[in-house]
Structure formats: C-alpha cells, structure tokens
Amino acid sequence: MPRSSNPAVLVFFVLYLLIGAMLTAMGVAILTMGGVGILIGIPFAAGGLMSAYGAFGLVKGWRQAVRDEKATAAGMRRTVAEGGSLAAGGVLAHWVYDAEEWKTYRKRESAYRRMQAVTWGLLMTAVVTGAGAMASGDLAAGLGIGCVVGALAGGGRWMRAASANRANRSTPLPDVIICRSSLLFNGRYHVLQDHQYDLGGVRLLENEQPPVLEFTVTWKTRRGRSDAQIRVPVPRGHEDEARTLLARFPGSAAPAPALAPVG
C-alpha cells in the first residue's frame, strides 16, 4: 500500500541523486577542456547540481516521513497498551479478531485479491491487443503483445495478493488500530492522509462476511490521480461502532452491499 516512507520511493530518490551527481561530474569534465567546452559544461554542471540538490531534499523528506510514521505508530500502540481513553490519544477504534473470524476474512480477502488480479490482467490484455492490432495491422502480433502485458500486469497483482495472504496467515494476534489519518493493521502502518496522500472515501460493506470497512486512499501521478483500497474487517459485536466510525470520516458513504460470501 502507498505511504510516504515506502522504501521503493527512496530508491527512486537515490537514483535521481546519482544522476544529478553524474551530470555535475560531466559538466566539470567538459569545463576543463576550455574553449567551447566552457559554454557546454556550465549548463551540464548547473543542471546536475540543481538535480542533486533537489534529490537530496527529497531524501531528507523521506527520512522525516519514516520518523513521523514510526512516532505515530508508537503513539497508537502506547495509547492502546495504556488502556485509557482511546479518544484522548487520537485513536478512533481498536479491534481484535478471534481465530475463526480472521480465517474467514483471510480466505475471502485472498479470493477477492486474486479475482482483482485476473480481471486486471484480462483487461490489460484486451486493451493492449486492440491497440497493438490497430497500430500494426496484425491481430496476431497485437494479441501476442497483449498477452505478455496482461500476464505481467495480472501476475504482479497476483504476487502481491499471495504475499498479503502469507502475511495474514502468519499473524498470531490480528488487530487493527484506527486513527483519523492512519491505521495500524496487524502492526503494519497504513497512511490514510498526509501531505502526499488523500483519503478518497470510506464505505462499510455490510454484506461481506465478516463486514468490511473499506478505505480508499488517492494520490497524484503524472497520468492523473491513482487510488488503492485498504480493507479492514469488522469483528463480531462491533458493527454499530463501525457505522458510527464511518460518519467520522469525510467522503464516507452509506453502508453498501458487496459480493456474496465465499463458501
């Protein structure tokens, strides 16, 4: 799931920093040639320095996000461990799941994520096949490219679904701590809203077994806004609390039906 402290973001920032350093070094090397090299080297060196400086600032921002998220998560755990007023510590809810309802949720969630992966793979196959066939005039070539792209797109989601299922199976005492801007789901931090991510909405899927509180997180990309869902099961006896919690988030929707129960 997206978050400002994602290690993959750091890799991108470090690469950006290295590119800036390389451009700077190239510019300096060209400057030493003298003559026309001075006119060429100055833009290279200046551009490289600006890129490196910008990347350094992004790395600093990432490190601050890591510290902030660790501090927030520690504060959430401390509030629950102290056993006092959850609201006083900024915690909206703390739910613990028993083994049977967690097993039911895990199986259903795994099936839901696998179906998402298959659907996404088929959709990408159809879109790329159509585009490829129109561009090349060859349906077979378009289908070949579409199948490869579809397999990569769907396969990536399938692998993430499998990884999430393994993590869910290995959880000894599943629980969730919900705050207004973040939540800790089985000890893993998920951002709901911060300087980079926005809470797109919350809805309660009461027809699922168990019911699911679904948070949609959105963020800007070069191709427009993207989104992802965090699906939190509602334990037995906490359905009314989930309805009350729903009303405390902006953009929340009335309880909605979803897929029929699995098994």
Protein backbone atom coordinates (compact mmCIF):
# COMPACT_ATOMS: atom_id res chain seq x y z
CA MET A 1 0.00 0.00 0.00
CA PRO A 2 1.17 3.56 -0.62
CA ARG A 3 2.90 5.53 2.10
CA SER A 4 5.39 8.39 2.19
CA SER A 5 8.09 6.19 3.80
CA ASN A 6 7.92 3.44 1.17
CA PRO A 7 11.49 2.12 0.57
CA ALA A 8 10.81 1.99 -3.18
CA VAL A 9 10.45 5.79 -3.12
CA LEU A 10 13.92 6.09 -1.56
CA VAL A 11 15.43 4.00 -4.38
CA PHE A 12 13.97 6.44 -6.92
CA PHE A 13 15.28 9.45 -4.98
CA VAL A 14 18.78 7.95 -4.69
CA LEU A 15 18.85 7.26 -8.43
CA TYR A 16 17.79 10.86 -9.02
CA LEU A 17 20.65 11.99 -6.75
CA LEU A 18 23.17 9.82 -8.62
CA ILE A 19 22.02 11.18 -11.99
CA GLY A 20 22.48 14.71 -10.69
CA ALA A 21 25.98 13.86 -9.47
CA MET A 22 26.87 12.28 -12.82
CA LEU A 23 25.66 15.33 -14.75
CA THR A 24 27.68 17.57 -12.47
CA ALA A 25 30.82 15.48 -13.00
CA MET A 26 30.30 15.51 -16.77
CA GLY A 27 29.87 19.27 -16.72
CA VAL A 28 33.06 19.79 -14.73
CA ALA A 29 34.97 17.45 -17.06
CA ILE A 30 33.76 19.38 -20.12
CA LEU A 31 34.64 22.69 -18.43
CA THR A 32 38.25 21.59 -18.08
CA MET A 33 38.53 21.30 -21.88
CA GLY A 34 38.31 25.08 -22.18
CA GLY A 35 37.08 26.98 -25.21
CA VAL A 36 33.62 25.87 -26.36
CA GLY A 37 33.68 23.29 -23.58
CA ILE A 38 33.06 26.08 -21.09
CA LEU A 39 29.78 27.03 -22.79
CA ILE A 40 28.67 23.39 -22.86
CA GLY A 41 29.95 22.41 -19.43
CA ILE A 42 28.28 25.21 -17.45
CA PRO A 43 24.68 24.11 -18.24
CA PHE A 44 25.58 20.47 -17.54
CA ALA A 45 27.20 21.27 -14.20
CA ALA A 46 24.45 23.71 -13.15
CA GLY A 47 21.68 21.28 -14.12
CA GLY A 48 23.41 18.43 -12.31
CA LEU A 49 23.86 20.50 -9.15
CA MET A 50 20.21 21.54 -9.18
CA SER A 51 19.08 17.92 -9.69
CA ALA A 52 21.35 16.66 -6.92
CA TYR A 53 20.18 19.39 -4.54
CA GLY A 54 16.53 18.60 -5.29
CA ALA A 55 17.11 14.87 -4.81
CA PHE A 56 18.90 15.50 -1.52
CA GLY A 57 15.86 17.43 -0.29
CA LEU A 58 13.59 14.55 -1.31
CA VAL A 59 15.77 12.06 0.60
CA LYS A 60 15.59 14.30 3.68
CA GLY A 61 11.80 14.43 3.31
CA TRP A 62 11.66 10.63 3.08
CA ARG A 63 13.72 10.26 6.26
CA GLN A 64 11.40 12.67 8.05
CA ALA A 65 8.39 10.67 6.85
CA VAL A 66 9.96 7.50 8.29
CA ARG A 67 10.48 9.20 11.66
CA ASP A 68 6.97 10.67 11.66
CA GLU A 69 5.32 7.35 10.82
CA LYS A 70 7.33 5.48 13.45
CA ALA A 71 6.39 8.07 16.07
CA THR A 72 2.72 7.94 15.05
CA ALA A 73 2.65 4.13 15.15
CA ALA A 74 4.38 4.08 18.54
CA GLY A 75 1.86 6.60 19.88
CA MET A 76 -1.03 4.46 18.63
CA ARG A 77 0.37 1.34 20.29
CA ARG A 78 1.07 3.22 23.51
CA THR A 79 -2.49 4.58 23.67
CA VAL A 80 -3.94 1.07 23.30
CA ALA A 81 -1.44 -0.53 25.72
CA GLU A 82 -2.14 2.03 28.46
CA GLY A 83 -5.81 1.05 28.44
CA GLY A 84 -7.06 4.58 29.00
CA SER A 85 -9.29 6.71 26.81
CA LEU A 86 -8.64 5.91 23.16
CA ALA A 87 -10.10 9.22 22.00
CA ALA A 88 -7.67 11.13 24.22
CA GLY A 89 -4.80 9.53 22.31
CA GLY A 90 -6.34 10.20 18.92
CA VAL A 91 -7.42 6.58 18.42
CA LEU A 92 -10.90 6.13 16.96
CA ALA A 93 -11.13 2.34 17.35
CA HIS A 94 -9.14 -0.73 18.35
CA TRP A 95 -10.43 -4.11 17.19
CA VAL A 96 -9.07 -7.58 17.93
CA TYR A 97 -10.15 -10.63 15.89
CA ASP A 98 -10.66 -14.19 17.03
CA ALA A 99 -9.13 -17.07 15.07
CA GLU A 100 -12.29 -18.18 13.30
CA GLU A 101 -13.44 -14.80 12.00
CA TRP A 102 -9.87 -13.95 10.95
CA LYS A 103 -9.67 -17.21 8.99
CA THR A 104 -12.97 -16.38 7.26
CA TYR A 105 -11.75 -12.88 6.39
CA ARG A 106 -8.36 -14.14 5.19
CA LYS A 107 -9.90 -16.66 2.77
CA ARG A 108 -12.38 -14.14 1.42
CA GLU A 109 -9.77 -11.42 1.04
CA SER A 110 -7.42 -13.79 -0.76
CA ALA A 111 -10.20 -14.73 -3.22
CA TYR A 112 -11.10 -11.05 -3.69
CA ARG A 113 -7.50 -10.03 -4.44
CA ARG A 114 -6.93 -12.96 -6.81
CA MET A 115 -10.08 -12.06 -8.73
CA GLN A 116 -8.83 -8.46 -8.96
CA ALA A 117 -5.55 -9.72 -10.40
CA VAL A 118 -7.26 -11.90 -13.01
CA THR A 119 -9.67 -9.12 -14.00
CA TRP A 120 -6.86 -6.59 -14.33
CA GLY A 121 -4.75 -8.98 -16.40
CA LEU A 122 -7.63 -9.72 -18.79
CA LEU A 123 -8.47 -6.02 -19.11
CA MET A 124 -4.87 -5.11 -19.95
CA THR A 125 -4.71 -7.98 -22.44
CA ALA A 126 -7.82 -6.74 -24.24
CA VAL A 127 -6.75 -3.08 -24.29
CA VAL A 128 -3.17 -3.73 -25.44
CA THR A 129 -4.29 -6.34 -28.01
CA GLY A 130 -6.72 -3.85 -29.54
CA ALA A 131 -4.18 -1.02 -29.58
CA GLY A 132 -1.44 -3.27 -30.94
CA ALA A 133 -3.63 -4.70 -33.68
CA MET A 134 -4.70 -1.23 -34.80
CA ALA A 135 -1.14 0.09 -34.78
CA SER A 136 0.45 -2.87 -36.58
CA GLY A 137 -2.47 -4.10 -38.65
CA ASP A 138 -1.68 -7.60 -37.42
CA LEU A 139 -4.09 -9.17 -34.92
CA ALA A 140 -1.69 -11.99 -34.04
CA ALA A 141 1.09 -9.55 -33.19
CA GLY A 142 -1.28 -7.43 -31.14
CA LEU A 143 -2.55 -10.50 -29.29
CA GLY A 144 0.99 -11.63 -28.54
CA ILE A 145 1.94 -8.26 -27.07
CA GLY A 146 -1.38 -8.07 -25.21
CA CYS A 147 -0.88 -11.48 -23.61
CA VAL A 148 2.60 -10.54 -22.41
CA VAL A 149 1.47 -7.21 -20.95
CA GLY A 150 -1.63 -8.81 -19.43
CA ALA A 151 0.41 -11.58 -17.85
CA LEU A 152 2.84 -9.07 -16.34
CA ALA A 153 0.08 -6.77 -15.07
CA GLY A 154 -2.08 -9.55 -13.65
CA GLY A 155 0.90 -11.54 -12.42
CA GLY A 156 2.21 -8.59 -10.45
CA ARG A 157 -1.12 -8.18 -8.66
CA TRP A 158 -1.37 -11.93 -8.09
CA MET A 159 2.07 -11.96 -6.43
CA ARG A 160 1.09 -9.05 -4.16
CA ALA A 161 -2.13 -10.86 -3.26
CA ALA A 162 -0.18 -14.02 -2.42
CA SER A 163 2.28 -12.05 -0.31
CA ALA A 164 -0.56 -10.36 1.61
CA ASN A 165 -2.22 -13.74 2.21
CA ARG A 166 1.01 -15.21 3.60
CA ALA A 167 1.33 -12.24 5.94
CA ASN A 168 -2.28 -12.64 7.08
CA ARG A 169 -1.78 -16.36 7.74
CA SER A 170 1.31 -15.75 9.86
CA THR A 171 -0.35 -13.13 12.09
CA PRO A 172 -0.55 -14.58 15.65
CA LEU A 173 -2.91 -11.99 17.16
CA PRO A 174 -4.62 -9.97 14.41
CA ASP A 175 -5.83 -6.50 15.35
CA VAL A 176 -6.30 -3.01 13.92
CA ILE A 177 -5.86 0.45 15.44
CA ILE A 178 -7.73 3.14 13.51
CA CYS A 179 -6.93 6.88 13.66
CA ARG A 180 -8.17 9.73 11.50
CA SER A 181 -5.03 9.95 9.33
CA SER A 182 -3.61 6.42 9.60
CA LEU A 183 -4.17 2.91 10.84
CA LEU A 184 -2.10 0.00 12.13
CA PHE A 185 -3.36 -3.23 10.62
CA ASN A 186 -1.59 -6.23 12.16
CA GLY A 187 1.29 -3.97 13.14
CA ARG A 188 1.73 -2.59 9.62
CA TYR A 189 1.37 1.16 9.17
CA HIS A 190 -1.05 2.42 6.51
CA VAL A 191 -1.43 6.11 5.72
CA LEU A 192 -4.93 7.45 5.12
CA GLN A 193 -4.00 11.07 4.55
CA ASP A 194 -0.88 13.23 4.82
CA HIS A 195 0.99 15.80 2.71
CA GLN A 196 1.15 13.38 -0.24
CA TYR A 197 -1.92 11.13 0.10
CA ASP A 198 -5.62 11.95 0.47
CA LEU A 199 -8.49 9.96 1.92
CA GLY A 200 -10.82 9.50 -1.04
CA GLY A 201 -13.63 7.96 0.98
CA VAL A 202 -14.73 5.24 3.38
CA ARG A 203 -17.56 2.77 2.99
CA LEU A 204 -18.95 -0.09 5.04
CA LEU A 205 -19.61 -3.30 3.10
CA GLU A 206 -22.11 -4.96 5.39
CA ASN A 207 -23.00 -7.90 3.12
CA GLU A 208 -19.49 -9.32 3.27
CA GLN A 209 -18.69 -11.96 5.88
CA PRO A 210 -17.30 -10.51 8.02
CA PRO A 211 -18.34 -6.92 7.15
CA VAL A 212 -15.52 -4.80 5.74
CA LEU A 213 -14.65 -1.17 6.34
CA GLU A 214 -13.01 -0.09 3.08
CA PHE A 215 -10.74 2.98 3.00
CA THR A 216 -9.83 4.47 -0.39
CA VAL A 217 -6.53 6.37 -0.48
CA THR A 218 -5.74 8.58 -3.50
CA TRP A 219 -2.61 10.34 -4.74
CA LYS A 220 -1.42 12.34 -7.74
CA THR A 221 0.59 10.82 -10.58
CA ARG A 222 1.72 12.16 -13.94
CA ARG A 223 -1.23 10.39 -15.57
CA GLY A 224 -3.77 11.77 -13.10
CA ARG A 225 -4.97 10.50 -9.74
CA SER A 226 -4.47 6.90 -8.67
CA ASP A 227 -6.01 5.06 -5.75
CA ALA A 228 -5.78 1.95 -3.58
CA GLN A 229 -8.09 0.33 -1.06
CA ILE A 230 -7.39 -0.80 2.50
CA ARG A 231 -10.00 -3.37 3.56
CA VAL A 232 -10.45 -3.76 7.32
CA PRO A 233 -12.77 -6.50 8.62
CA VAL A 234 -15.27 -5.57 11.32
CA PRO A 235 -15.27 -8.06 14.24
CA ARG A 236 -18.49 -9.54 15.56
CA GLY A 237 -20.20 -7.19 18.00
CA HIS A 238 -18.57 -4.05 16.55
CA GLU A 239 -20.98 -3.43 13.65
CA ASP A 240 -22.64 -0.43 15.34
CA GLU A 241 -19.24 1.00 16.21
CA ALA A 242 -18.23 0.66 12.54
CA ARG A 243 -21.34 2.60 11.45
CA THR A 244 -20.54 5.34 13.95
CA LEU A 245 -16.91 5.36 12.83
CA LEU A 246 -17.97 5.69 9.20
CA ALA A 247 -19.65 9.02 9.89
CA ARG A 248 -16.42 10.47 11.35
CA PHE A 249 -14.55 10.37 8.06
CA PRO A 250 -15.07 12.90 5.25
CA GLY A 251 -16.29 11.44 1.99
CA SER A 252 -17.75 8.38 3.69
CA ALA A 253 -20.66 6.58 2.06
CA ALA A 254 -23.71 4.88 3.47
CA PRO A 255 -23.29 1.16 4.18
CA ALA A 256 -23.18 -0.62 0.83
CA PRO A 257 -23.67 -4.21 -0.31
CA ALA A 258 -20.78 -6.14 -1.81
CA LEU A 259 -20.00 -9.62 -3.09
CA ALA A 260 -21.81 -12.64 -1.72
CA PRO A 261 -19.93 -14.60 0.97
CA VAL A 262 -17.42 -17.20 -0.17
CA GLY A 263 -18.06 -20.78 0.92
